[in-house]
PDB file of N, CA and C in Angstrom:
ATOM      1  N   MET A   1    -122.955  33.655  22.354  1.00  0.00           N
ATOM      2  CA  MET A   1    -121.697  33.412  21.699  1.00  0.00           C
ATOM      3  C   MET A   1    -121.988  33.139  20.220  1.00  0.00           C
ATOM      4  N   ASP A   2    -121.214  33.726  19.341  1.00  0.00           N
ATOM      5  CA  ASP A   2    -121.444  33.536  17.909  1.00  0.00           C
ATOM      6  C   ASP A   2    -120.787  32.238  17.416  1.00  0.00           C
ATOM      7  N   SER A   3    -121.078  31.870  16.190  1.00  0.00           N
ATOM      8  CA  SER A   3    -120.638  30.608  15.621  1.00  0.00           C
ATOM      9  C   SER A   3    -119.126  30.415  15.690  1.00  0.00           C
ATOM     10  N   ARG A   4    -118.396  31.423  15.292  1.00  0.00           N
ATOM     11  CA  ARG A   4    -116.935  31.324  15.270  1.00  0.00           C
ATOM     12  C   ARG A   4    -116.377  31.093  16.668  1.00  0.00           C
ATOM     13  N   ASN A   5    -116.896  31.818  17.659  1.00  0.00           N
ATOM     14  CA  ASN A   5    -116.408  31.673  19.030  1.00  0.00           C
ATOM     15  C   ASN A   5    -116.793  30.328  19.647  1.00  0.00           C
ATOM     16  N   ILE A   6    -117.965  29.817  19.303  1.00  0.00           N
ATOM     17  CA  ILE A   6    -118.352  28.476  19.769  1.00  0.00           C
ATOM     18  C   ILE A   6    -117.366  27.451  19.221  1.00  0.00           C
ATOM     19  N   TYR A   7    -117.081  27.540  17.929  1.00  0.00           N
ATOM     20  CA  TYR A   7    -116.168  26.593  17.292  1.00  0.00           C
ATOM     21  C   TYR A   7    -114.767  26.682  17.897  1.00  0.00           C
ATOM     22  N   ILE A   8    -114.228  27.873  18.012  1.00  0.00           N
ATOM     23  CA  ILE A   8    -112.878  28.049  18.555  1.00  0.00           C
ATOM     24  C   ILE A   8    -112.821  27.598  20.012  1.00  0.00           C
ATOM     25  N   SER A   9    -113.811  27.958  20.794  1.00  0.00           N
ATOM     26  CA  SER A   9    -113.844  27.543  22.199  1.00  0.00           C
ATOM     27  C   SER A   9    -113.890  26.034  22.330  1.00  0.00           C
ATOM     28  N   SER A  10    -114.668  25.390  21.479  1.00  0.00           N
ATOM     29  CA  SER A  10    -114.755  23.928  21.557  1.00  0.00           C
ATOM     30  C   SER A  10    -113.412  23.283  21.230  1.00  0.00           C
ATOM     31  N   GLN A  11    -112.669  23.855  20.303  1.00  0.00           N
ATOM     32  CA  GLN A  11    -111.373  23.297  19.933  1.00  0.00           C
ATOM     33  C   GLN A  11    -110.369  23.392  21.079  1.00  0.00           C
ATOM     34  N   HIS A  12    -110.452  24.444  21.854  1.00  0.00           N
ATOM     35  CA  HIS A  12    -109.484  24.665  22.933  1.00  0.00           C
ATOM     36  C   HIS A  12    -109.943  24.113  24.275  1.00  0.00           C
ATOM     37  N   ARG A  13    -111.208  24.264  24.590  1.00  0.00           N
ATOM     38  CA  ARG A  13    -111.685  23.935  25.929  1.00  0.00           C
ATOM     39  C   ARG A  13    -112.112  22.484  26.104  1.00  0.00           C
ATOM     40  N   LEU A  14    -112.264  21.740  25.011  1.00  0.00           N
ATOM     41  CA  LEU A  14    -112.648  20.332  25.129  1.00  0.00           C
ATOM     42  C   LEU A  14    -111.445  19.394  25.229  1.00  0.00           C
ATOM     43  N   THR A  15    -110.258  19.948  25.274  1.00  0.00           N
ATOM     44  CA  THR A  15    -109.090  19.096  25.484  1.00  0.00           C
ATOM     45  C   THR A  15    -109.122  18.577  26.917  1.00  0.00           C
ATOM     46  N   GLY A  16    -108.656  17.394  27.096  1.00  0.00           N
ATOM     47  CA  GLY A  16    -108.628  16.818  28.432  1.00  0.00           C
ATOM     48  C   GLY A  16    -109.869  16.019  28.795  1.00  0.00           C
ATOM     49  N   LEU A  17    -110.799  15.878  27.882  1.00  0.00           N
ATOM     50  CA  LEU A  17    -111.959  15.039  28.159  1.00  0.00           C
ATOM     51  C   LEU A  17    -111.544  13.570  28.114  1.00  0.00           C
ATOM     52  N   ILE A  18    -112.186  12.769  28.934  1.00  0.00           N
ATOM     53  CA  ILE A  18    -111.987  11.327  28.901  1.00  0.00           C
ATOM     54  C   ILE A  18    -113.092  10.767  27.997  1.00  0.00           C
ATOM     55  N   TRP A  19    -112.700  10.179  26.856  1.00  0.00           N
ATOM     56  CA  TRP A  19    -113.655   9.742  25.844  1.00  0.00           C
ATOM     57  C   TRP A  19    -113.979   8.257  25.975  1.00  0.00           C
ATOM     58  N   SER A  20    -115.211   7.911  25.653  1.00  0.00           N
ATOM     59  CA  SER A  20    -115.651   6.517  25.627  1.00  0.00           C
ATOM     60  C   SER A  20    -115.100   5.844  24.373  1.00  0.00           C
ATOM     61  N   GLU A  21    -115.313   4.545  24.297  1.00  0.00           N
ATOM     62  CA  GLU A  21    -115.034   3.815  23.062  1.00  0.00           C
ATOM     63  C   GLU A  21    -116.060   4.269  22.017  1.00  0.00           C
ATOM     64  N   LEU A  22    -115.775   3.996  20.746  1.00  0.00           N
ATOM     65  CA  LEU A  22    -116.741   4.309  19.696  1.00  0.00           C
ATOM     66  C   LEU A  22    -117.950   3.395  19.820  1.00  0.00           C
ATOM     67  N   ILE A  23    -119.131   3.973  19.636  1.00  0.00           N
ATOM     68  CA  ILE A  23    -120.398   3.256  19.755  1.00  0.00           C
ATOM     69  C   ILE A  23    -121.126   3.376  18.427  1.00  0.00           C
ATOM     70  N   TYR A  24    -121.547   2.252  17.862  1.00  0.00           N
ATOM     71  CA  TYR A  24    -122.268   2.286  16.599  1.00  0.00           C
ATOM     72  C   TYR A  24    -123.696   2.764  16.833  1.00  0.00           C
ATOM     73  N   VAL A  25    -124.102   3.818  16.124  1.00  0.00           N
ATOM     74  CA  VAL A  25    -125.464   4.352  16.256  1.00  0.00           C
ATOM     75  C   VAL A  25    -126.227   4.313  14.935  1.00  0.00           C
ATOM     76  N   GLY A  26    -125.598   3.850  13.876  1.00  0.00           N
ATOM     77  CA  GLY A  26    -126.278   3.692  12.598  1.00  0.00           C
ATOM     78  C   GLY A  26    -126.263   4.943  11.740  1.00  0.00           C
ATOM     79  N   LEU A  27    -126.826   4.794  10.572  1.00  0.00           N
ATOM     80  CA  LEU A  27    -126.871   5.865   9.581  1.00  0.00           C
ATOM     81  C   LEU A  27    -128.294   6.079   9.111  1.00  0.00           C
ATOM     82  N   ASN A  28    -128.545   7.238   8.566  1.00  0.00           N
ATOM     83  CA  ASN A  28    -129.836   7.547   7.975  1.00  0.00           C
ATOM     84  C   ASN A  28    -129.573   8.097   6.571  1.00  0.00           C
ATOM     85  N   HIS A  29    -129.231   7.209   5.652  1.00  0.00           N
ATOM     86  CA  HIS A  29    -128.931   7.569   4.269  1.00  0.00           C
ATOM     87  C   HIS A  29    -129.894   6.842   3.345  1.00  0.00           C
ATOM     88  N   GLU A  30    -129.737   7.050   2.067  1.00  0.00           N
ATOM     89  CA  GLU A  30    -130.584   6.387   1.077  1.00  0.00           C
ATOM     90  C   GLU A  30    -130.494   4.866   1.184  1.00  0.00           C
ATOM     91  N   LYS A  31    -129.286   4.355   1.415  1.00  0.00           N
ATOM     92  CA  LYS A  31    -129.079   2.907   1.447  1.00  0.00           C
ATOM     93  C   LYS A  31    -129.106   2.327   2.856  1.00  0.00           C
ATOM     94  N   ALA A  32    -129.184   3.168   3.865  1.00  0.00           N
ATOM     95  CA  ALA A  32    -129.180   2.669   5.249  1.00  0.00           C
ATOM     96  C   ALA A  32    -130.111   3.525   6.101  1.00  0.00           C
ATOM     97  N   ASP A  33    -131.128   2.907   6.618  1.00  0.00           N
ATOM     98  CA  ASP A  33    -132.067   3.623   7.477  1.00  0.00           C
ATOM     99  C   ASP A  33    -132.068   2.939   8.846  1.00  0.00           C
ATOM    100  N   GLU A  34    -130.926   3.031   9.512  1.00  0.00           N
ATOM    101  CA  GLU A  34    -130.779   2.304  10.763  1.00  0.00           C
ATOM    102  C   GLU A  34    -130.289   3.189  11.907  1.00  0.00           C
ATOM    103  N   TYR A  35    -130.458   4.486  11.775  1.00  0.00           N
ATOM    104  CA  TYR A  35    -130.020   5.396  12.823  1.00  0.00           C
ATOM    105  C   TYR A  35    -130.818   5.135  14.105  1.00  0.00           C
ATOM    106  N   GLN A  36    -130.127   4.923  15.200  1.00  0.00           N
ATOM    107  CA  GLN A  36    -130.740   4.540  16.472  1.00  0.00           C
ATOM    108  C   GLN A  36    -130.954   5.781  17.352  1.00  0.00           C
ATOM    109  N   ALA A  37    -131.961   6.553  17.020  1.00  0.00           N
ATOM    110  CA  ALA A  37    -132.236   7.813  17.718  1.00  0.00           C
ATOM    111  C   ALA A  37    -132.505   7.602  19.201  1.00  0.00           C
ATOM    112  N   ASP A  38    -133.204   6.542  19.560  1.00  0.00           N
ATOM    113  CA  ASP A  38    -133.504   6.286  20.969  1.00  0.00           C
ATOM    114  C   ASP A  38    -132.237   6.012  21.771  1.00  0.00           C
ATOM    115  N   LYS A  39    -131.327   5.264  21.180  1.00  0.00           N
ATOM    116  CA  LYS A  39    -130.055   4.951  21.840  1.00  0.00           C
ATOM    117  C   LYS A  39    -129.237   6.225  22.041  1.00  0.00           C
ATOM    118  N   VAL A  40    -129.182   7.071  21.022  1.00  0.00           N
ATOM    119  CA  VAL A  40    -128.447   8.335  21.103  1.00  0.00           C
ATOM    120  C   VAL A  40    -129.061   9.232  22.169  1.00  0.00           C
ATOM    121  N   ALA A  41    -130.384   9.341  22.190  1.00  0.00           N
ATOM    122  CA  ALA A  41    -131.069  10.181  23.174  1.00  0.00           C
ATOM    123  C   ALA A  41    -130.818   9.685  24.591  1.00  0.00           C
ATOM    124  N   GLU A  42    -130.780   8.380  24.776  1.00  0.00           N
ATOM    125  CA  GLU A  42    -130.524   7.824  26.101  1.00  0.00           C
ATOM    126  C   GLU A  42    -129.129   8.205  26.596  1.00  0.00           C
ATOM    127  N   TYR A  43    -128.128   8.068  25.737  1.00  0.00           N
ATOM    128  CA  TYR A  43    -126.772   8.485  26.096  1.00  0.00           C
ATOM    129  C   TYR A  43    -126.723   9.978  26.391  1.00  0.00           C
ATOM    130  N   ALA A  44    -127.376  10.779  25.552  1.00  0.00           N
ATOM    131  CA  ALA A  44    -127.336  12.238  25.705  1.00  0.00           C
ATOM    132  C   ALA A  44    -127.983  12.687  27.010  1.00  0.00           C
ATOM    133  N   HIS A  45    -129.136  12.142  27.323  1.00  0.00           N
ATOM    134  CA  HIS A  45    -129.828  12.572  28.549  1.00  0.00           C
ATOM    135  C   HIS A  45    -129.126  12.066  29.806  1.00  0.00           C
ATOM    136  N   THR A  46    -128.376  10.984  29.684  1.00  0.00           N
ATOM    137  CA  THR A  46    -127.565  10.512  30.805  1.00  0.00           C
ATOM    138  C   THR A  46    -126.351  11.416  31.001  1.00  0.00           C
ATOM    139  N   LEU A  47    -125.757  11.860  29.907  1.00  0.00           N
ATOM    140  CA  LEU A  47    -124.546  12.672  29.968  1.00  0.00           C
ATOM    141  C   LEU A  47    -124.819  14.121  30.356  1.00  0.00           C
ATOM    142  N   PHE A  48    -125.775  14.743  29.694  1.00  0.00           N
ATOM    143  CA  PHE A  48    -126.021  16.169  29.880  1.00  0.00           C
ATOM    144  C   PHE A  48    -127.083  16.412  30.952  1.00  0.00           C
ATOM    145  N   ASP A  49    -126.757  17.282  31.913  1.00  0.00           N
ATOM    146  CA  ASP A  49    -127.704  17.684  32.943  1.00  0.00           C
ATOM    147  C   ASP A  49    -128.530  18.883  32.495  1.00  0.00           C
ATOM    148  N   GLU A  50    -127.996  19.638  31.561  1.00  0.00           N
ATOM    149  CA  GLU A  50    -128.622  20.872  31.128  1.00  0.00           C
ATOM    150  C   GLU A  50    -129.397  20.668  29.825  1.00  0.00           C
ATOM    151  N   LYS A  51    -130.322  21.569  29.557  1.00  0.00           N
ATOM    152  CA  LYS A  51    -131.131  21.476  28.338  1.00  0.00           C
ATOM    153  C   LYS A  51    -130.523  22.253  27.183  1.00  0.00           C
ATOM    154  N   GLU A  52    -129.724  23.270  27.481  1.00  0.00           N
ATOM    155  CA  GLU A  52    -129.113  24.083  26.437  1.00  0.00           C
ATOM    156  C   GLU A  52    -127.695  23.591  26.150  1.00  0.00           C
ATOM    157  N   VAL A  53    -127.408  23.356  24.872  1.00  0.00           N
ATOM    158  CA  VAL A  53    -126.099  22.856  24.453  1.00  0.00           C
ATOM    159  C   VAL A  53    -125.621  23.651  23.235  1.00  0.00           C
ATOM    160  N   TYR A  54    -124.380  23.409  22.862  1.00  0.00           N
ATOM    161  CA  TYR A  54    -123.844  23.953  21.620  1.00  0.00           C
ATOM    162  C   TYR A  54    -123.754  22.825  20.604  1.00  0.00           C
ATOM    163  N   VAL A  55    -124.157  23.113  19.375  1.00  0.00           N
ATOM    164  CA  VAL A  55    -123.980  22.200  18.256  1.00  0.00           C
ATOM    165  C   VAL A  55    -122.807  22.752  17.460  1.00  0.00           C
ATOM    166  N   VAL A  56    -121.726  21.990  17.403  1.00  0.00           N
ATOM    167  CA  VAL A  56    -120.494  22.454  16.763  1.00  0.00           C
ATOM    168  C   VAL A  56    -120.319  21.703  15.452  1.00  0.00           C
ATOM    169  N   ILE A  57    -120.395  22.458  14.366  1.00  0.00           N
ATOM    170  CA  ILE A  57    -120.281  21.868  13.038  1.00  0.00           C
ATOM    171  C   ILE A  57    -119.057  22.446  12.315  1.00  0.00           C
ATOM    172  N   GLY A  58    -118.854  23.702  12.458  1.00  0.00           N
ATOM    173  CA  GLY A  58    -117.735  24.375  11.810  1.00  0.00           C
ATOM    174  C   GLY A  58    -117.710  25.829  12.237  1.00  0.00           C
ATOM    175  N   ARG A  59    -116.795  26.584  11.687  1.00  0.00           N
ATOM    176  CA  ARG A  59    -116.654  27.995  12.054  1.00  0.00           C
ATOM    177  C   ARG A  59    -117.909  28.822  11.786  1.00  0.00           C
ATOM    178  N   HIS A  60    -118.659  28.455  10.754  1.00  0.00           N
ATOM    179  CA  HIS A  60    -119.794  29.276  10.336  1.00  0.00           C
ATOM    180  C   HIS A  60    -121.159  28.677  10.679  1.00  0.00           C
ATOM    181  N   ASP A  61    -121.189  27.433  11.114  1.00  0.00           N
ATOM    182  CA  ASP A  61    -122.464  26.752  11.316  1.00  0.00           C
ATOM    183  C   ASP A  61    -122.724  26.293  12.746  1.00  0.00           C
ATOM    184  N   SER A  62    -121.876  26.621  13.682  1.00  0.00           N
ATOM    185  CA  SER A  62    -122.074  26.225  15.083  1.00  0.00           C
ATOM    186  C   SER A  62    -123.086  27.155  15.728  1.00  0.00           C
ATOM    187  N   HIS A  63    -123.858  26.621  16.680  1.00  0.00           N
ATOM    188  CA  HIS A  63    -124.909  27.433  17.285  1.00  0.00           C
ATOM    189  C   HIS A  63    -125.391  26.828  18.604  1.00  0.00           C
ATOM    190  N   PRO A  64    -125.987  27.663  19.459  1.00  0.00           N
ATOM    191  CA  PRO A  64    -126.627  27.127  20.665  1.00  0.00           C
ATOM    192  C   PRO A  64    -127.955  26.486  20.282  1.00  0.00           C
ATOM    193  N   SER A  65    -128.360  25.482  21.063  1.00  0.00           N
ATOM    194  CA  SER A  65    -129.599  24.775  20.751  1.00  0.00           C
ATOM    195  C   SER A  65    -130.135  24.099  22.001  1.00  0.00           C
ATOM    196  N   ASN A  66    -131.389  23.763  21.948  1.00  0.00           N
ATOM    197  CA  ASN A  66    -131.994  22.918  22.957  1.00  0.00           C
ATOM    198  C   ASN A  66    -131.501  21.492  22.696  1.00  0.00           C
ATOM    199  N   LEU A  67    -131.217  20.715  23.739  1.00  0.00           N
ATOM    200  CA  LEU A  67    -130.679  19.366  23.572  1.00  0.00           C
ATOM    201  C   LEU A  67    -131.585  18.494  22.714  1.00  0.00           C
ATOM    202  N   ASN A  68    -132.861  18.492  22.979  1.00  0.00           N
ATOM    203  CA  ASN A  68    -133.782  17.654  22.206  1.00  0.00           C
ATOM    204  C   ASN A  68    -133.812  18.052  20.731  1.00  0.00           C
ATOM    205  N   GLU A  69    -133.781  19.341  20.462  1.00  0.00           N
ATOM    206  CA  GLU A  69    -133.762  19.821  19.074  1.00  0.00           C
ATOM    207  C   GLU A  69    -132.455  19.417  18.388  1.00  0.00           C
ATOM    208  N   ALA A  70    -131.339  19.531  19.106  1.00  0.00           N
ATOM    209  CA  ALA A  70    -130.044  19.139  18.551  1.00  0.00           C
ATOM    210  C   ALA A  70    -130.030  17.653  18.203  1.00  0.00           C
ATOM    211  N   LEU A  71    -130.592  16.838  19.081  1.00  0.00           N
ATOM    212  CA  LEU A  71    -130.632  15.394  18.836  1.00  0.00           C
ATOM    213  C   LEU A  71    -131.489  15.044  17.622  1.00  0.00           C
ATOM    214  N   LYS A  72    -132.574  15.788  17.412  1.00  0.00           N
ATOM    215  CA  LYS A  72    -133.420  15.563  16.235  1.00  0.00           C
ATOM    216  C   LYS A  72    -132.666  15.837  14.942  1.00  0.00           C
ATOM    217  N   ASN A  73    -131.759  16.818  14.980  1.00  0.00           N
ATOM    218  CA  ASN A  73    -131.042  17.234  13.773  1.00  0.00           C
ATOM    219  C   ASN A  73    -129.800  16.407  13.475  1.00  0.00           C
ATOM    220  N   VAL A  74    -129.318  15.634  14.424  1.00  0.00           N
ATOM    221  CA  VAL A  74    -128.065  14.901  14.229  1.00  0.00           C
ATOM    222  C   VAL A  74    -128.140  13.963  13.026  1.00  0.00           C
ATOM    223  N   ALA A  75    -129.193  13.186  12.905  1.00  0.00           N
ATOM    224  CA  ALA A  75    -129.299  12.223  11.801  1.00  0.00           C
ATOM    225  C   ALA A  75    -129.201  12.916  10.440  1.00  0.00           C
ATOM    226  N   THR A  76    -129.818  14.070  10.315  1.00  0.00           N
ATOM    227  CA  THR A  76    -129.765  14.817   9.060  1.00  0.00           C
ATOM    228  C   THR A  76    -128.375  15.388   8.816  1.00  0.00           C
ATOM    229  N   LEU A  77    -127.780  15.959   9.858  1.00  0.00           N
ATOM    230  CA  LEU A  77    -126.452  16.556   9.717  1.00  0.00           C
ATOM    231  C   LEU A  77    -125.391  15.521   9.372  1.00  0.00           C
ATOM    232  N   LEU A  78    -125.529  14.303   9.900  1.00  0.00           N
ATOM    233  CA  LEU A  78    -124.531  13.262   9.657  1.00  0.00           C
ATOM    234  C   LEU A  78    -124.451  12.830   8.198  1.00  0.00           C
ATOM    235  N   LYS A  79    -125.418  13.208   7.397  1.00  0.00           N
ATOM    236  CA  LYS A  79    -125.370  12.879   5.974  1.00  0.00           C
ATOM    237  C   LYS A  79    -124.230  13.615   5.281  1.00  0.00           C
ATOM    238  N   THR A  80    -123.847  14.775   5.847  1.00  0.00           N
ATOM    239  CA  THR A  80    -122.841  15.599   5.169  1.00  0.00           C
ATOM    240  C   THR A  80    -121.629  15.970   6.023  1.00  0.00           C
ATOM    241  N   THR A  81    -121.723  15.838   7.353  1.00  0.00           N
ATOM    242  CA  THR A  81    -120.627  16.319   8.187  1.00  0.00           C
ATOM    243  C   THR A  81    -120.587  15.614   9.534  1.00  0.00           C
ATOM    244  N   ASP A  82    -119.461  15.690  10.201  1.00  0.00           N
ATOM    245  CA  ASP A  82    -119.357  15.232  11.578  1.00  0.00           C
ATOM    246  C   ASP A  82    -119.982  16.294  12.470  1.00  0.00           C
ATOM    247  N   VAL A  83    -120.498  15.873  13.632  1.00  0.00           N
ATOM    248  CA  VAL A  83    -121.204  16.796  14.526  1.00  0.00           C
ATOM    249  C   VAL A  83    -120.699  16.595  15.950  1.00  0.00           C
ATOM    250  N   LEU A  84    -120.528  17.691  16.645  1.00  0.00           N
ATOM    251  CA  LEU A  84    -120.163  17.666  18.054  1.00  0.00           C
ATOM    252  C   LEU A  84    -121.242  18.406  18.835  1.00  0.00           C
ATOM    253  N   ILE A  85    -121.720  17.808  19.914  1.00  0.00           N
ATOM    254  CA  ILE A  85    -122.654  18.475  20.815  1.00  0.00           C
ATOM    255  C   ILE A  85    -121.951  18.583  22.158  1.00  0.00           C
ATOM    256  N   CYS A  86    -121.910  19.774  22.729  1.00  0.00           N
ATOM    257  CA  CYS A  86    -121.252  19.940  24.028  1.00  0.00           C
ATOM    258  C   CYS A  86    -122.076  20.866  24.911  1.00  0.00           C
ATOM    259  N   ASN A  87    -121.860  20.741  26.210  1.00  0.00           N
ATOM    260  CA  ASN A  87    -122.559  21.641  27.125  1.00  0.00           C
ATOM    261  C   ASN A  87    -121.902  23.019  27.070  1.00  0.00           C
ATOM    262  N   GLN A  88    -122.544  23.999  27.659  1.00  0.00           N
ATOM    263  CA  GLN A  88    -122.067  25.375  27.529  1.00  0.00           C
ATOM    264  C   GLN A  88    -120.835  25.675  28.372  1.00  0.00           C
ATOM    265  N   SER A  89    -120.479  24.776  29.285  1.00  0.00           N
ATOM    266  CA  SER A  89    -119.237  24.963  30.044  1.00  0.00           C
ATOM    267  C   SER A  89    -118.090  24.161  29.428  1.00  0.00           C
ATOM    268  N   PHE A  90    -118.353  23.495  28.316  1.00  0.00           N
ATOM    269  CA  PHE A  90    -117.356  22.704  27.586  1.00  0.00           C
ATOM    270  C   PHE A  90    -116.698  21.645  28.471  1.00  0.00           C
ATOM    271  N   SER A  91    -117.496  21.000  29.317  1.00  0.00           N
ATOM    272  CA  SER A  91    -116.957  19.938  30.174  1.00  0.00           C
ATOM    273  C   SER A  91    -117.508  18.564  29.799  1.00  0.00           C
ATOM    274  N   LYS A  92    -118.501  18.518  28.901  1.00  0.00           N
ATOM    275  CA  LYS A  92    -119.094  17.264  28.439  1.00  0.00           C
ATOM    276  C   LYS A  92    -119.389  17.398  26.950  1.00  0.00           C
ATOM    277  N   ALA A  93    -119.227  16.293  26.216  1.00  0.00           N
ATOM    278  CA  ALA A  93    -119.461  16.364  24.776  1.00  0.00           C
ATOM    279  C   ALA A  93    -119.813  14.998  24.203  1.00  0.00           C
ATOM    280  N   MET A  94    -120.503  15.049  23.082  1.00  0.00           N
ATOM    281  CA  MET A  94    -120.782  13.858  22.267  1.00  0.00           C
ATOM    282  C   MET A  94    -120.288  14.165  20.862  1.00  0.00           C
ATOM    283  N   ASN A  95    -119.510  13.251  20.307  1.00  0.00           N
ATOM    284  CA  ASN A  95    -118.948  13.450  18.984  1.00  0.00           C
ATOM    285  C   ASN A  95    -119.531  12.401  18.047  1.00  0.00           C
ATOM    286  N   PHE A  96    -120.169  12.848  16.970  1.00  0.00           N
ATOM    287  CA  PHE A  96    -120.802  11.968  15.995  1.00  0.00           C
ATOM    288  C   PHE A  96    -120.009  12.012  14.693  1.00  0.00           C
ATOM    289  N   TYR A  97    -119.752  10.847  14.138  1.00  0.00           N
ATOM    290  CA  TYR A  97    -118.987  10.755  12.898  1.00  0.00           C
ATOM    291  C   TYR A  97    -119.880  10.246  11.772  1.00  0.00           C
ATOM    292  N   LYS A  98    -119.622  10.722  10.546  1.00  0.00           N
ATOM    293  CA  LYS A  98    -120.454  10.411   9.382  1.00  0.00           C
ATOM    294  C   LYS A  98    -120.581   8.923   9.102  1.00  0.00           C
ATOM    295  N   LEU A  99    -119.669   8.116   9.583  1.00  0.00           N
ATOM    296  CA  LEU A  99    -119.741   6.691   9.292  1.00  0.00           C
ATOM    297  C   LEU A  99    -120.653   5.931  10.252  1.00  0.00           C
ATOM    298  N   GLY A 100    -121.365   6.657  11.134  1.00  0.00           N
ATOM    299  CA  GLY A 100    -122.385   6.029  11.946  1.00  0.00           C
ATOM    300  C   GLY A 100    -121.945   5.637  13.355  1.00  0.00           C
ATOM    301  N   VAL A 101    -120.883   6.227  13.841  1.00  0.00           N
ATOM    302  CA  VAL A 101    -120.439   5.955  15.208  1.00  0.00           C
ATOM    303  C   VAL A 101    -120.380   7.253  15.998  1.00  0.00           C
ATOM    304  N   MET A 102    -120.403   7.114  17.314  1.00  0.00           N
ATOM    305  CA  MET A 102    -120.294   8.275  18.191  1.00  0.00           C
ATOM    306  C   MET A 102    -119.459   7.883  19.398  1.00  0.00           C
ATOM    307  N   CYS A 103    -118.989   8.878  20.115  1.00  0.00           N
ATOM    308  CA  CYS A 103    -118.367   8.674  21.411  1.00  0.00           C
ATOM    309  C   CYS A 103    -118.777   9.844  22.280  1.00  0.00           C
ATOM    310  N   TYR A 104    -118.653   9.682  23.572  1.00  0.00           N
ATOM    311  CA  TYR A 104    -118.982  10.761  24.494  1.00  0.00           C
ATOM    312  C   TYR A 104    -117.847  10.908  25.489  1.00  0.00           C
ATOM    313  N   GLY A 105    -117.722  12.096  26.020  1.00  0.00           N
ATOM    314  CA  GLY A 105    -116.634  12.334  26.972  1.00  0.00           C
ATOM    315  C   GLY A 105    -116.997  13.412  27.959  1.00  0.00           C
ATOM    316  N   LYS A 106    -116.257  13.396  29.055  1.00  0.00           N
ATOM    317  CA  LYS A 106    -116.429  14.434  30.070  1.00  0.00           C
ATOM    318  C   LYS A 106    -115.131  14.611  30.824  1.00  0.00           C
ATOM    319  N   LYS A 107    -114.997  15.778  31.419  1.00  0.00           N
ATOM    320  CA  LYS A 107    -113.827  16.060  32.239  1.00  0.00           C
ATOM    321  C   LYS A 107    -114.070  15.491  33.625  1.00  0.00           C
ATOM    322  N   LEU A 108    -113.046  14.910  34.155  1.00  0.00           N
ATOM    323  CA  LEU A 108    -113.152  14.387  35.522  1.00  0.00           C
ATOM    324  C   LEU A 108    -113.031  15.543  36.507  1.00  0.00           C
ATOM    325  N   PRO A 109    -113.735  15.462  37.632  1.00  0.00           N
ATOM    326  CA  PRO A 109    -113.672  16.564  38.616  1.00  0.00           C
ATOM    327  C   PRO A 109    -112.319  16.698  39.262  1.00  0.00           C
TER     328      PRO A 109
END
């Protein structure tokens, strides 16, 4: 699936997810080096059963990725944009916001 289709699919198919409360995960900026990568990885590996996910950034920058690789890139991406990671069936997702918080959600069976 190309970038545009990943982005559009995520906008339509992720509706109906039950989202968690916002969770503080920290920032990795010049003035704040407190990003909690271990905490994020723990949530991600608990949520996602699969290794391949989509990284949704925008119409032109969304792409498929390995979960571990996507998690490594989140801290860098959060410096400039919000990031969404979702499974390929669009039934589970993690949403990261530039201000250092995230939430996760999934569709109920």
